[in-house]
Amino acid sequence: MIETYCPAVHDELVKIGVNSKGGRGGMTAKMQAAWMAAQQGVTTVIANGKASDSLLQVRHPVQA
């Protein structure tokens, strides 16, 4: 999990795969929207919508 995302720091570290057939805009668009929101002080979470515990993991992350 990346707790704070900054394109200048993280863009080269984040690997984005090809768009899925059922997708709605792709991960690049999601990351751009999250960054725009962050610049305005809005907290944003991009989570796996298929995992039943995604929001719980955000709220209570497992320590490695």
C-alpha atoms as a PDB file:
ATOM      1  CA  MET A   1       0.000   0.000   0.000  1.00  0.00           C
ATOM      2  CA  ILE A   2       1.240   3.467  -0.838  1.00  0.00           C
ATOM      3  CA  GLU A   3      -0.021   5.795   1.890  1.00  0.00           C
ATOM      4  CA  THR A   4       0.938   8.969   0.064  1.00  0.00           C
ATOM      5  CA  TYR A   5       1.246   9.149  -3.708  1.00  0.00           C
ATOM      6  CA  CYS A   6       3.222  11.757  -5.606  1.00  0.00           C
ATOM      7  CA  PRO A   7       3.680  11.357  -9.374  1.00  0.00           C
ATOM      8  CA  ALA A   8       7.200  12.826  -9.282  1.00  0.00           C
ATOM      9  CA  VAL A   9       8.258  10.190  -6.739  1.00  0.00           C
ATOM     10  CA  HIS A  10       6.115   7.151  -7.482  1.00  0.00           C
ATOM     11  CA  ASP A  11       5.354   7.102 -11.218  1.00  0.00           C
ATOM     12  CA  GLU A  12       8.472   5.143 -12.082  1.00  0.00           C
ATOM     13  CA  LEU A  13       7.901   2.711  -9.181  1.00  0.00           C
ATOM     14  CA  VAL A  14       4.280   1.861  -9.978  1.00  0.00           C
ATOM     15  CA  LYS A  15       3.765  -0.691 -12.734  1.00  0.00           C
ATOM     16  CA  ILE A  16       0.404  -0.455 -14.478  1.00  0.00           C
ATOM     17  CA  GLY A  17      -0.788  -3.349 -16.608  1.00  0.00           C
ATOM     18  CA  VAL A  18      -2.967  -3.297 -19.679  1.00  0.00           C
ATOM     19  CA  ASN A  19      -6.588  -2.171 -19.441  1.00  0.00           C
ATOM     20  CA  SER A  20      -9.103  -4.876 -18.634  1.00  0.00           C
ATOM     21  CA  LYS A  21     -12.017  -5.552 -20.973  1.00  0.00           C
ATOM     22  CA  GLY A  22     -14.546  -4.702 -18.246  1.00  0.00           C
ATOM     23  CA  GLY A  23     -12.734  -1.635 -16.934  1.00  0.00           C
ATOM     24  CA  ARG A  24     -14.036   1.899 -16.727  1.00  0.00           C
ATOM     25  CA  GLY A  25     -11.053   4.144 -17.366  1.00  0.00           C
ATOM     26  CA  GLY A  26      -7.962   2.271 -16.273  1.00  0.00           C
ATOM     27  CA  MET A  27      -5.586   2.645 -13.361  1.00  0.00           C
ATOM     28  CA  THR A  28      -3.780   5.616 -14.899  1.00  0.00           C
ATOM     29  CA  ALA A  29      -7.015   7.628 -14.914  1.00  0.00           C
ATOM     30  CA  LYS A  30      -7.752   6.590 -11.320  1.00  0.00           C
ATOM     31  CA  MET A  31      -4.290   7.653 -10.162  1.00  0.00           C
ATOM     32  CA  GLN A  32      -4.549  10.987 -11.978  1.00  0.00           C
ATOM     33  CA  ALA A  33      -7.945  11.665 -10.387  1.00  0.00           C
ATOM     34  CA  ALA A  34      -6.651  10.708  -6.935  1.00  0.00           C
ATOM     35  CA  TRP A  35      -3.653  13.013  -7.350  1.00  0.00           C
ATOM     36  CA  MET A  36      -5.894  15.908  -8.426  1.00  0.00           C
ATOM     37  CA  ALA A  37      -8.081  15.301  -5.363  1.00  0.00           C
ATOM     38  CA  ALA A  38      -5.043  15.106  -3.069  1.00  0.00           C
ATOM     39  CA  GLN A  39      -3.808  18.468  -4.322  1.00  0.00           C
ATOM     40  CA  GLN A  40      -7.109  19.913  -3.065  1.00  0.00           C
ATOM     41  CA  GLY A  41      -6.764  18.196   0.323  1.00  0.00           C
ATOM     42  CA  VAL A  42      -9.186  15.353  -0.385  1.00  0.00           C
ATOM     43  CA  THR A  43      -8.305  11.916   0.983  1.00  0.00           C
ATOM     44  CA  THR A  44      -8.734   9.265  -1.709  1.00  0.00           C
ATOM     45  CA  VAL A  45      -8.544   5.482  -1.661  1.00  0.00           C
ATOM     46  CA  ILE A  46      -8.146   3.271  -4.717  1.00  0.00           C
ATOM     47  CA  ALA A  47      -9.099  -0.224  -3.580  1.00  0.00           C
ATOM     48  CA  ASN A  48      -9.923  -3.614  -5.042  1.00  0.00           C
ATOM     49  CA  GLY A  49     -13.682  -3.640  -5.547  1.00  0.00           C
ATOM     50  CA  LYS A  50     -13.786  -7.437  -5.790  1.00  0.00           C
ATOM     51  CA  ALA A  51     -12.220  -8.052  -2.374  1.00  0.00           C
ATOM     52  CA  SER A  52     -14.792  -8.047   0.428  1.00  0.00           C
ATOM     53  CA  ASP A  53     -12.359  -6.588   2.984  1.00  0.00           C
ATOM     54  CA  SER A  54     -10.699  -3.802   0.954  1.00  0.00           C
ATOM     55  CA  LEU A  55     -12.001  -0.957   3.095  1.00  0.00           C
ATOM     56  CA  LEU A  56     -11.218  -2.848   6.304  1.00  0.00           C
ATOM     57  CA  GLN A  57      -7.628  -3.243   5.097  1.00  0.00           C
ATOM     58  CA  VAL A  58      -7.428   0.509   4.507  1.00  0.00           C
ATOM     59  CA  ARG A  59      -8.876   1.269   7.937  1.00  0.00           C
ATOM     60  CA  HIS A  60      -6.804  -1.409   9.751  1.00  0.00           C
ATOM     61  CA  PRO A  61      -3.721  -2.226   7.658  1.00  0.00           C
ATOM     62  CA  VAL A  62      -1.800  -5.404   8.398  1.00  0.00           C
ATOM     63  CA  GLN A  63       1.689  -4.574   9.656  1.00  0.00           C
ATOM     64  CA  ALA A  64       4.426  -6.443   7.783  1.00  0.00           C
END
